[in-house]
Amino acid sequence: MQKEPILIIIILILAISTALSPWLMNNAPYIGDAWLHLRKAEDIVIQGRLKLEEYNDMWPLVNLLLVFYSTILGLSPLISTQMIPFLVSLSTINLYIISSKISRNIYAAFSTPIALIFTPLYTFITFGSAVMKETAAFYLTTLLITYFLVSRPNLICFLLLSFGLVVGHHFASLAVFILLLSILIEDFSDLLNGDTCHLRRDIVMVSIFGALLLSWNFFVFSKIGWFLPISSNSLLMIIFTWFGIYIISRIGRFSSVAFQAFLIPLTALAWRGYLHDIPTPVNPISIWEVRDLIIFIIPALIGLALFWRNRIIRSILVSTTTLIAFSLISGLDYNGLVVFTKSLHYYSVFWALMFGLSWPSILNKRFGKMLFTVVSIYLVLASVTGIGLALNGPGAYNEVEYEQLQGLRDKLHEPLIMDVKLSYLSKYLNVENSIFHNLKQGEYVLLTKSNFIYGILLGYVWVDLSLYMPHHLIVSCDRLVDGGYIKILRINNV
């Protein structure tokens, strides 16, 4: 089609500009994990070898990619971090291919990646812009799903892709493994109807991926023990959840749509901090955001009703829903929030597919093309809230913070007390630090602009700054550095 190259270029421009927007606006990586992995990559270059000793070493794909971009391609270390969001943006092309193969409709193919980029759940900007193990593995996750649609895949290529994903991130690997098992169950169901065209191929591919996944994770377990969400109890709960979700999806169209209509509001409540018993720095969901979600979800539910029989769609439905449901029933504590956050990234991919697949049917209706144009533009505008969150939210860093702290590090002779967000940057710059505790006379505290707006980060928990530093204590402090972004205070009169 003559339109297709133009549409792909549009998708790439939108995806790349969105994923890189925190860097383009702030000139600093988004999310603290970036500093951790940048330090790991620099250590690999300096020492000339890869160490597998602690949690952030055990899935080394992101660290090795940063080494490749900074040494082989000659990019500066900070700029090399942005190749990870760039890879995430390329995953939109994989979704374009998946939607195109299933629907054979150019409008569905185009609107699917657009729905992912501008989802009202904001996952593409808040997840895709980050430099983490999981974002480094996201492109491979979508590529493996795409590769599974190839009628005669090359097993060597599949082996390499699988190995890359397995050493990329454990949760992404778990998501794909559940997907492959769901597809295999679909194959056995087809076998009962006399269709065996995919069974042998899928058994081989599931065996390859499963062997790599189990081997690597047994190795990791031997090094560091259990890790989220992998434990004997959680794996058993995932199996029961997967079985229940699969039964619901097989009963019929109504059960599939009705269950999702029940699950989506719960997901939205958890997303905005209403369910988990952990304080998070998110504003209450507004009536405008509820409206945005409804406008997004109605076409998506129509897409699900139309394509629920498709073996690939049903398998993606089962796998992503299993993860999001497991995250909600496994607990609403710290661990539950971590698993929920990871699950939401893949659940958003499913809903982007459903949104895209709805349009071939809607376009056949009166005013269908006009509605398609209006909704697409509306989604772009509605995502401004999420983009603003990534640019100025609690997880964002600013170039000024980095440069000021870098300039001060040789002048600092005492350890600084700070929150977890700042500790990531401080560890990268070799600034001696400790996490917030009950403050004592003469101690030094490092604060940034975001601490006064959002509070201080302790693990995944955000608490108000006044809990550790009431206003009268801040006023009484000596201000050694009093910049717009960086403040270093010495405690007096505790």
Protein backbone atom coordinates (compact mmCIF):
# COMPACT_ATOMS: atom_id res chain seq x y z
CA MET A 1 0.00 0.00 0.00
CA GLN A 2 1.25 3.51 -0.84
CA LYS A 3 -0.01 4.85 2.48
CA GLU A 4 1.83 2.30 4.62
CA PRO A 5 5.36 3.82 4.56
CA ILE A 6 3.90 7.22 5.45
CA LEU A 7 1.90 5.75 8.35
CA ILE A 8 4.95 3.90 9.69
CA ILE A 9 7.00 7.11 9.56
CA ILE A 10 4.25 8.97 11.45
CA ILE A 11 4.12 6.22 14.09
CA LEU A 12 7.90 6.28 14.56
CA ILE A 13 8.03 10.06 14.83
CA LEU A 14 5.28 10.08 17.47
CA ALA A 15 6.73 7.12 19.39
CA ILE A 16 10.31 8.38 19.41
CA SER A 17 9.40 11.96 20.33
CA THR A 18 7.12 10.74 23.15
CA ALA A 19 9.58 8.23 24.60
CA LEU A 20 12.47 10.71 24.45
CA SER A 21 10.49 13.73 25.68
CA PRO A 22 11.80 13.59 29.30
CA TRP A 23 15.37 13.67 27.96
CA LEU A 24 14.62 16.35 25.37
CA MET A 25 13.01 18.61 27.98
CA ASN A 26 15.15 17.88 31.05
CA ASN A 27 18.48 16.69 29.53
CA ALA A 28 18.59 13.91 32.10
CA PRO A 29 17.45 10.26 32.24
CA TYR A 30 14.00 9.44 33.57
CA ILE A 31 13.65 7.19 36.67
CA GLY A 32 16.53 6.48 39.07
CA ASP A 33 17.35 3.03 37.67
CA ALA A 34 19.12 4.82 34.80
CA TRP A 35 21.95 5.94 37.09
CA LEU A 36 22.29 2.46 38.56
CA HIS A 37 22.58 0.75 35.16
CA LEU A 38 24.87 3.47 33.84
CA ARG A 39 27.25 2.77 36.73
CA LYS A 40 27.02 -0.98 36.05
CA ALA A 41 27.88 -0.39 32.38
CA GLU A 42 30.85 1.81 33.26
CA ASP A 43 32.12 -0.84 35.70
CA ILE A 44 31.96 -3.46 32.93
CA VAL A 45 34.05 -1.22 30.66
CA ILE A 46 36.59 -0.42 33.38
CA GLN A 47 36.95 -3.99 34.68
CA GLY A 48 36.66 -5.63 31.27
CA ARG A 49 34.27 -8.32 32.48
CA LEU A 50 30.64 -8.95 33.37
CA LYS A 51 29.91 -9.67 37.03
CA LEU A 52 26.79 -11.55 38.12
CA GLU A 53 26.67 -10.94 41.86
CA GLU A 54 23.53 -9.05 42.87
CA TYR A 55 19.97 -8.41 41.68
CA ASN A 56 20.74 -5.74 39.12
CA ASP A 57 23.51 -7.86 37.60
CA MET A 58 21.35 -10.92 37.05
CA TRP A 59 19.50 -9.67 33.97
CA PRO A 60 22.40 -7.90 32.26
CA LEU A 61 20.82 -7.03 28.89
CA VAL A 62 20.33 -3.34 29.72
CA ASN A 63 23.88 -3.02 31.09
CA LEU A 64 25.37 -4.69 28.01
CA LEU A 65 23.32 -2.48 25.68
CA LEU A 66 24.66 0.62 27.42
CA VAL A 67 28.20 -0.74 27.07
CA PHE A 68 27.61 -1.34 23.36
CA TYR A 69 26.15 2.11 22.68
CA SER A 70 28.78 3.99 24.71
CA THR A 71 31.90 2.09 23.57
CA ILE A 72 31.18 0.56 20.16
CA LEU A 73 29.04 3.43 18.86
CA GLY A 74 31.00 6.08 20.76
CA LEU A 75 28.02 7.80 22.40
CA SER A 76 28.51 9.68 25.65
CA PRO A 77 27.36 7.65 28.67
CA LEU A 78 24.34 9.86 29.38
CA ILE A 79 23.19 9.93 25.76
CA SER A 80 23.65 6.16 25.49
CA THR A 81 20.89 5.71 28.10
CA GLN A 82 18.37 7.14 25.63
CA MET A 83 18.88 4.27 23.23
CA ILE A 84 16.70 2.22 25.61
CA PRO A 85 13.60 4.45 25.17
CA PHE A 86 14.45 4.52 21.45
CA LEU A 87 14.21 0.70 21.36
CA VAL A 88 10.89 0.87 23.20
CA SER A 89 9.59 3.24 20.53
CA LEU A 90 10.48 0.67 17.85
CA SER A 91 8.14 -1.80 19.55
CA THR A 92 5.25 0.21 18.10
CA ILE A 93 6.17 -1.17 14.68
CA ASN A 94 5.84 -4.69 16.07
CA LEU A 95 2.33 -3.83 17.25
CA TYR A 96 1.58 -2.40 13.80
CA ILE A 97 2.61 -5.74 12.27
CA ILE A 98 0.62 -7.83 14.78
CA SER A 99 -2.55 -5.78 14.28
CA SER A 100 -2.08 -5.79 10.49
CA LYS A 101 -1.69 -9.57 10.32
CA ILE A 102 -4.74 -10.21 12.50
CA SER A 103 -7.09 -7.61 11.02
CA ARG A 104 -5.67 -7.13 7.50
CA ASN A 105 -6.84 -3.53 7.81
CA ILE A 106 -4.59 -0.48 7.60
CA TYR A 107 -6.73 1.60 10.01
CA ALA A 108 -6.48 -1.10 12.67
CA ALA A 109 -2.74 -1.44 12.09
CA PHE A 110 -2.22 2.33 12.44
CA SER A 111 -4.49 2.95 15.43
CA THR A 112 -2.99 0.12 17.53
CA PRO A 113 0.45 1.70 18.05
CA ILE A 114 -1.19 5.13 18.36
CA ALA A 115 -3.34 3.71 21.18
CA LEU A 116 -0.22 2.37 22.91
CA ILE A 117 1.69 5.65 22.59
CA PHE A 118 -1.20 7.81 23.81
CA THR A 119 -2.97 5.39 26.14
CA PRO A 120 -4.87 7.25 28.90
CA LEU A 121 -3.09 4.92 31.34
CA TYR A 122 0.12 6.82 30.43
CA THR A 123 2.18 3.62 30.47
CA PHE A 124 4.12 4.33 27.29
CA ILE A 125 5.53 7.64 28.51
CA THR A 126 6.05 6.68 32.17
CA PHE A 127 7.42 3.21 31.34
CA GLY A 128 8.91 3.58 27.86
CA SER A 129 10.93 6.68 28.79
CA ALA A 130 12.63 4.91 31.69
CA VAL A 131 16.00 3.16 31.54
CA MET A 132 15.37 -0.14 33.31
CA LYS A 133 15.86 -3.86 32.78
CA GLU A 134 12.24 -4.21 31.74
CA THR A 135 12.25 -1.40 29.20
CA ALA A 136 15.37 -2.86 27.61
CA ALA A 137 13.48 -6.16 27.25
CA PHE A 138 10.21 -4.63 26.00
CA TYR A 139 11.23 -4.49 22.35
CA LEU A 140 12.18 -8.17 22.44
CA THR A 141 8.87 -8.97 24.15
CA THR A 142 6.83 -7.46 21.32
CA LEU A 143 9.22 -8.85 18.71
CA LEU A 144 8.79 -12.39 20.03
CA ILE A 145 5.00 -12.06 19.86
CA THR A 146 5.35 -10.79 16.29
CA TYR A 147 7.73 -13.60 15.40
CA PHE A 148 5.22 -16.13 16.66
CA LEU A 149 2.87 -15.05 13.87
CA VAL A 150 5.39 -16.14 11.23
CA SER A 151 4.17 -19.34 9.60
CA ARG A 152 7.65 -20.88 9.35
CA PRO A 153 9.90 -19.19 11.92
CA ASN A 154 13.63 -19.84 11.97
CA LEU A 155 14.35 -21.66 15.23
CA ILE A 156 17.87 -20.25 15.48
CA CYS A 157 16.46 -16.72 15.37
CA PHE A 158 13.81 -17.69 17.89
CA LEU A 159 16.50 -19.16 20.16
CA LEU A 160 18.53 -15.93 20.04
CA LEU A 161 15.49 -13.74 20.66
CA SER A 162 14.39 -15.96 23.55
CA PHE A 163 17.82 -15.90 25.16
CA GLY A 164 17.96 -12.11 24.84
CA LEU A 165 14.59 -11.78 26.58
CA VAL A 166 15.40 -14.30 29.32
CA VAL A 167 18.58 -12.41 30.27
CA GLY A 168 16.74 -9.12 29.82
CA HIS A 169 14.08 -9.30 32.51
CA HIS A 170 12.37 -12.01 34.53
CA PHE A 171 8.88 -10.49 34.51
CA ALA A 172 8.90 -9.88 30.77
CA SER A 173 10.01 -13.50 30.31
CA LEU A 174 7.22 -14.69 32.59
CA ALA A 175 4.66 -12.69 30.58
CA VAL A 176 5.83 -14.23 27.30
CA PHE A 177 5.99 -17.75 28.79
CA ILE A 178 2.37 -17.49 29.98
CA LEU A 179 1.45 -16.26 26.50
CA LEU A 180 3.21 -19.22 24.84
CA LEU A 181 1.53 -21.70 27.20
CA SER A 182 -1.84 -20.12 26.40
CA ILE A 183 -1.16 -20.50 22.67
CA LEU A 184 -0.18 -24.13 23.25
CA ILE A 185 -3.48 -24.78 25.03
CA GLU A 186 -5.24 -23.22 22.04
CA ASP A 187 -3.35 -25.68 19.83
CA PHE A 188 -4.56 -28.66 21.85
CA SER A 189 -8.08 -27.27 21.65
CA ASP A 190 -7.72 -27.05 17.86
CA LEU A 191 -6.44 -30.63 17.86
CA LEU A 192 -9.80 -31.79 19.16
CA ASN A 193 -11.31 -30.24 16.04
CA GLY A 194 -8.80 -31.95 13.78
CA ASP A 195 -6.50 -28.95 13.23
CA THR A 196 -2.84 -29.77 13.93
CA CYS A 197 -1.08 -27.21 11.70
CA HIS A 198 0.56 -25.25 14.57
CA LEU A 199 0.92 -27.89 17.29
CA ARG A 200 4.34 -29.35 16.49
CA ARG A 201 5.93 -25.97 15.81
CA ASP A 202 4.52 -24.45 19.01
CA ILE A 203 5.61 -27.38 21.19
CA VAL A 204 9.18 -26.89 19.95
CA MET A 205 9.11 -23.14 20.51
CA VAL A 206 7.54 -23.39 23.97
CA SER A 207 10.13 -26.05 24.90
CA ILE A 208 13.01 -23.84 23.76
CA PHE A 209 11.77 -20.78 25.60
CA GLY A 210 10.80 -22.73 28.72
CA ALA A 211 14.19 -24.45 28.92
CA LEU A 212 16.03 -21.14 28.66
CA LEU A 213 13.72 -19.47 31.17
CA LEU A 214 14.02 -22.23 33.76
CA SER A 215 17.79 -22.62 33.33
CA TRP A 216 18.56 -18.93 33.74
CA ASN A 217 16.21 -18.39 36.65
CA PHE A 218 17.52 -21.45 38.50
CA PHE A 219 20.97 -19.93 38.07
CA VAL A 220 19.71 -16.60 39.44
CA PHE A 221 17.99 -18.35 42.34
CA SER A 222 21.26 -20.10 43.22
CA LYS A 223 22.93 -16.68 43.40
CA ILE A 224 20.41 -14.39 45.13
CA GLY A 225 17.46 -16.57 46.23
CA TRP A 226 13.77 -15.80 45.52
CA PHE A 227 12.86 -12.59 43.70
CA LEU A 228 9.54 -10.92 42.87
CA PRO A 229 7.18 -12.32 41.74
CA ILE A 230 8.92 -15.71 41.79
CA SER A 231 8.25 -17.87 44.84
CA SER A 232 6.63 -21.24 45.37
CA ASN A 233 3.38 -19.69 46.63
CA SER A 234 3.16 -16.98 43.96
CA LEU A 235 3.83 -19.42 41.11
CA LEU A 236 1.02 -21.65 42.35
CA MET A 237 -1.31 -18.64 42.58
CA ILE A 238 -0.35 -17.58 39.04
CA ILE A 239 -1.22 -21.07 37.75
CA PHE A 240 -4.67 -21.02 39.39
CA THR A 241 -5.29 -17.45 38.19
CA TRP A 242 -4.24 -18.38 34.64
CA PHE A 243 -6.55 -21.41 34.66
CA GLY A 244 -9.51 -19.34 35.88
CA ILE A 245 -8.92 -16.57 33.33
CA TYR A 246 -8.60 -19.12 30.53
CA ILE A 247 -11.90 -20.79 31.45
CA ILE A 248 -13.64 -17.40 31.48
CA SER A 249 -12.20 -16.54 28.06
CA ARG A 250 -13.40 -19.87 26.59
CA ILE A 251 -16.97 -19.71 27.89
CA GLY A 252 -18.00 -17.11 25.37
CA ARG A 253 -17.93 -13.56 24.09
CA PHE A 254 -20.11 -12.20 26.88
CA SER A 255 -18.04 -13.69 29.70
CA SER A 256 -14.82 -12.34 28.18
CA VAL A 257 -16.16 -8.83 27.73
CA ALA A 258 -18.03 -8.76 31.06
CA PHE A 259 -14.98 -9.86 33.05
CA GLN A 260 -12.83 -7.19 31.44
CA ALA A 261 -15.52 -4.58 32.07
CA PHE A 262 -15.33 -5.61 35.76
CA LEU A 263 -11.52 -5.68 35.89
CA ILE A 264 -10.81 -2.37 34.16
CA PRO A 265 -12.31 -0.13 36.90
CA LEU A 266 -10.34 -2.05 39.55
CA THR A 267 -7.20 -1.57 37.48
CA ALA A 268 -7.88 2.17 37.17
CA LEU A 269 -8.39 2.47 40.94
CA ALA A 270 -5.15 0.60 41.64
CA TRP A 271 -3.34 2.68 39.02
CA ARG A 272 -4.22 5.89 40.85
CA GLY A 273 -3.41 4.61 44.33
CA TYR A 274 -6.91 3.87 45.67
CA LEU A 275 -6.41 0.16 46.41
CA HIS A 276 -2.86 -0.40 47.62
CA ASP A 277 -2.09 0.40 51.23
CA ILE A 278 0.96 2.45 50.25
CA PRO A 279 1.17 6.25 49.89
CA THR A 280 2.05 7.28 46.34
CA PRO A 281 2.46 10.82 44.96
CA VAL A 282 -0.41 10.69 42.47
CA ASN A 283 -3.33 13.05 42.27
CA PRO A 284 -6.86 11.64 42.63
CA ILE A 285 -8.25 10.57 39.30
CA SER A 286 -10.16 13.46 37.76
CA ILE A 287 -13.53 13.35 36.02
CA TRP A 288 -11.69 14.23 32.81
CA GLU A 289 -9.43 11.21 33.13
CA VAL A 290 -12.45 8.98 33.77
CA ARG A 291 -13.94 10.38 30.56
CA ASP A 292 -10.67 9.67 28.69
CA LEU A 293 -10.65 6.08 29.91
CA ILE A 294 -14.27 5.53 28.86
CA ILE A 295 -13.62 6.92 25.38
CA PHE A 296 -10.63 4.58 25.10
CA ILE A 297 -12.22 1.47 26.61
CA ILE A 298 -15.54 1.42 24.71
CA PRO A 299 -13.90 0.83 21.30
CA ALA A 300 -11.46 -1.59 22.95
CA LEU A 301 -14.31 -3.70 24.36
CA ILE A 302 -15.88 -3.71 20.90
CA GLY A 303 -12.58 -5.00 19.52
CA LEU A 304 -12.52 -7.74 22.15
CA ALA A 305 -16.09 -8.76 21.32
CA LEU A 306 -15.16 -9.02 17.63
CA PHE A 307 -11.83 -10.86 17.96
CA TRP A 308 -12.13 -12.92 21.14
CA ARG A 309 -12.12 -16.16 19.12
CA ASN A 310 -8.74 -15.41 17.51
CA ARG A 311 -6.16 -17.75 19.07
CA ILE A 312 -3.44 -15.10 19.32
CA ILE A 313 -5.76 -12.44 20.73
CA ARG A 314 -7.24 -14.86 23.26
CA SER A 315 -3.74 -15.92 24.32
CA ILE A 316 -2.64 -12.30 24.78
CA LEU A 317 -5.89 -11.66 26.68
CA VAL A 318 -5.32 -14.61 29.01
CA SER A 319 -1.63 -13.89 29.67
CA THR A 320 -1.92 -10.15 30.35
CA THR A 321 -5.15 -10.51 32.35
CA THR A 322 -3.58 -13.27 34.42
CA LEU A 323 -0.75 -10.96 35.44
CA ILE A 324 -2.97 -7.99 36.31
CA ALA A 325 -5.47 -10.18 38.20
CA PHE A 326 -2.66 -11.95 40.07
CA SER A 327 -1.19 -8.61 41.09
CA LEU A 328 -4.52 -7.54 42.63
CA ILE A 329 -5.33 -10.78 44.46
CA SER A 330 -1.81 -11.53 45.67
CA GLY A 331 -1.78 -8.55 48.01
CA LEU A 332 -2.25 -4.79 48.20
CA ASP A 333 1.04 -4.20 50.00
CA TYR A 334 4.47 -3.13 48.72
CA ASN A 335 5.06 -6.36 46.78
CA GLY A 336 1.59 -6.19 45.26
CA LEU A 337 2.23 -2.65 44.04
CA VAL A 338 5.51 -3.68 42.39
CA VAL A 339 3.85 -6.59 40.56
CA PHE A 340 0.85 -4.44 39.59
CA THR A 341 3.06 -1.75 38.10
CA LYS A 342 4.93 -4.30 36.00
CA SER A 343 1.72 -6.06 34.93
CA LEU A 344 0.10 -2.82 33.81
CA HIS A 345 2.70 -2.35 31.08
CA TYR A 346 1.63 -5.58 29.33
CA TYR A 347 -2.06 -5.10 30.04
CA SER A 348 -1.84 -1.78 28.19
CA VAL A 349 -0.43 -3.57 25.14
CA PHE A 350 -3.47 -5.84 25.07
CA TRP A 351 -5.88 -2.90 25.26
CA ALA A 352 -4.01 -1.03 22.54
CA LEU A 353 -4.51 -4.07 20.30
CA MET A 354 -8.20 -4.25 21.15
CA PHE A 355 -8.64 -0.54 20.50
CA GLY A 356 -7.02 -0.86 17.09
CA LEU A 357 -8.94 -3.99 16.10
CA SER A 358 -12.29 -2.32 16.77
CA TRP A 359 -11.99 0.21 13.98
CA PRO A 360 -12.52 -1.99 10.87
CA SER A 361 -16.07 -2.59 12.11
CA ILE A 362 -16.70 0.98 13.28
CA LEU A 363 -15.41 2.46 10.02
CA ASN A 364 -18.11 0.61 8.10
CA LYS A 365 -20.74 2.54 10.00
CA ARG A 366 -22.02 5.98 9.11
CA PHE A 367 -19.58 8.72 10.14
CA GLY A 368 -17.05 5.98 10.96
CA LYS A 369 -14.04 7.73 9.42
CA MET A 370 -14.92 11.01 11.05
CA LEU A 371 -15.25 9.27 14.43
CA PHE A 372 -11.88 7.56 13.88
CA THR A 373 -10.20 10.90 13.22
CA VAL A 374 -11.83 12.64 16.19
CA VAL A 375 -11.04 9.86 18.68
CA SER A 376 -7.43 9.55 17.47
CA ILE A 377 -6.82 13.29 17.88
CA TYR A 378 -8.62 13.25 21.22
CA LEU A 379 -6.35 10.48 22.55
CA VAL A 380 -3.27 12.49 21.64
CA LEU A 381 -4.59 15.55 23.47
CA ALA A 382 -5.77 13.50 26.48
CA SER A 383 -2.27 12.06 26.96
CA VAL A 384 -0.86 15.49 27.79
CA THR A 385 -1.46 14.77 31.51
CA GLY A 386 0.74 11.67 31.36
CA ILE A 387 3.47 13.46 29.41
CA GLY A 388 3.44 16.24 31.99
CA LEU A 389 3.80 13.63 34.74
CA ALA A 390 6.91 12.22 33.07
CA LEU A 391 8.43 15.65 32.43
CA ASN A 392 7.81 17.18 35.85
CA GLY A 393 6.66 14.29 38.05
CA PRO A 394 8.34 12.68 41.05
CA GLY A 395 10.40 10.28 38.91
CA ALA A 396 11.90 12.97 36.67
CA TYR A 397 15.48 14.20 36.99
CA ASN A 398 16.77 17.51 35.70
CA GLU A 399 20.12 18.41 34.15
CA VAL A 400 20.60 21.10 36.82
CA GLU A 401 20.38 18.51 39.62
CA TYR A 402 23.02 16.37 37.94
CA GLU A 403 25.40 19.25 37.16
CA GLN A 404 25.10 20.93 40.58
CA LEU A 405 25.66 17.71 42.51
CA GLN A 406 28.53 16.77 40.21
CA GLY A 407 30.11 20.18 40.82
CA LEU A 408 29.72 19.83 44.59
CA ARG A 409 30.95 16.27 45.07
CA ASP A 410 34.65 17.16 45.51
CA LYS A 411 33.71 19.77 48.11
CA LEU A 412 31.62 17.40 50.22
CA HIS A 413 33.41 15.89 53.19
CA GLU A 414 30.42 14.64 55.18
CA PRO A 415 27.80 12.04 54.18
CA LEU A 416 24.51 13.54 52.98
CA ILE A 417 21.09 12.32 54.09
CA MET A 418 18.65 12.00 51.17
CA ASP A 419 15.77 9.95 49.77
CA VAL A 420 16.02 6.92 47.50
CA LYS A 421 15.54 8.93 44.30
CA LEU A 422 18.53 11.13 45.04
CA SER A 423 20.59 8.20 46.30
CA TYR A 424 20.55 6.68 42.80
CA LEU A 425 22.19 9.79 41.37
CA SER A 426 24.54 10.16 44.35
CA LYS A 427 25.80 6.60 44.06
CA TYR A 428 26.53 7.18 40.38
CA LEU A 429 28.53 10.31 41.27
CA ASN A 430 30.25 8.62 44.26
CA VAL A 431 28.68 10.99 46.77
CA GLU A 432 28.59 9.39 50.22
CA ASN A 433 25.00 9.22 51.42
CA SER A 434 22.46 7.60 53.71
CA ILE A 435 18.67 7.33 53.52
CA PHE A 436 16.37 9.51 55.63
CA HIS A 437 16.10 8.67 59.35
CA ASN A 438 15.50 10.55 62.59
CA LEU A 439 17.77 13.54 62.10
CA LYS A 440 20.45 14.60 64.57
CA GLN A 441 22.26 17.85 65.28
CA GLY A 442 25.00 18.60 62.76
CA GLU A 443 23.86 16.18 60.04
CA TYR A 444 23.68 17.30 56.42
CA VAL A 445 20.55 16.84 54.30
CA LEU A 446 20.31 17.00 50.50
CA LEU A 447 16.95 18.09 49.10
CA THR A 448 15.73 18.89 45.62
CA LYS A 449 12.75 20.74 44.23
CA SER A 450 10.69 17.52 43.93
CA ASN A 451 11.10 16.78 47.66
CA PHE A 452 9.16 19.93 48.51
CA ILE A 453 6.46 19.16 45.91
CA TYR A 454 6.00 15.38 46.20
CA GLY A 455 7.77 14.36 49.40
CA ILE A 456 10.61 11.90 49.87
CA LEU A 457 10.87 8.44 48.33
CA LEU A 458 11.59 5.53 50.69
CA GLY A 459 11.57 2.34 48.63
CA TYR A 460 8.33 2.50 46.63
CA VAL A 461 6.69 4.60 49.35
CA TRP A 462 6.39 8.38 49.21
CA VAL A 463 6.03 10.24 52.50
CA ASP A 464 5.60 13.93 53.20
CA LEU A 465 8.83 15.81 53.84
CA SER A 466 7.38 17.26 57.05
CA LEU A 467 7.38 13.79 58.61
CA TYR A 468 11.19 14.02 58.88
CA MET A 469 11.70 17.77 58.52
CA PRO A 470 8.88 19.94 59.89
CA HIS A 471 8.78 23.53 58.70
CA HIS A 472 10.36 24.93 61.88
CA LEU A 473 13.29 22.53 61.50
CA ILE A 474 13.88 23.55 57.87
CA VAL A 475 13.79 27.26 58.84
CA SER A 476 16.40 26.72 61.58
CA CYS A 477 18.85 24.90 59.31
CA ASP A 478 22.06 26.40 57.96
CA ARG A 479 21.76 26.61 54.16
CA LEU A 480 25.10 25.56 52.71
CA VAL A 481 23.65 25.37 49.19
CA ASP A 482 20.37 27.07 48.38
CA GLY A 483 19.77 26.66 44.65
CA GLY A 484 16.53 26.32 42.74
CA TYR A 485 16.97 22.55 42.38
CA ILE A 486 19.58 21.52 44.94
CA LYS A 487 19.60 22.46 48.63
CA ILE A 488 22.08 21.21 51.24
CA LEU A 489 21.02 21.94 54.81
CA ARG A 490 22.84 21.45 58.13
CA ILE A 491 20.56 20.44 60.98
CA ASN A 492 20.30 22.74 63.97
CA ASN A 493 18.10 22.71 67.09
CA VAL A 494 16.67 19.19 66.81
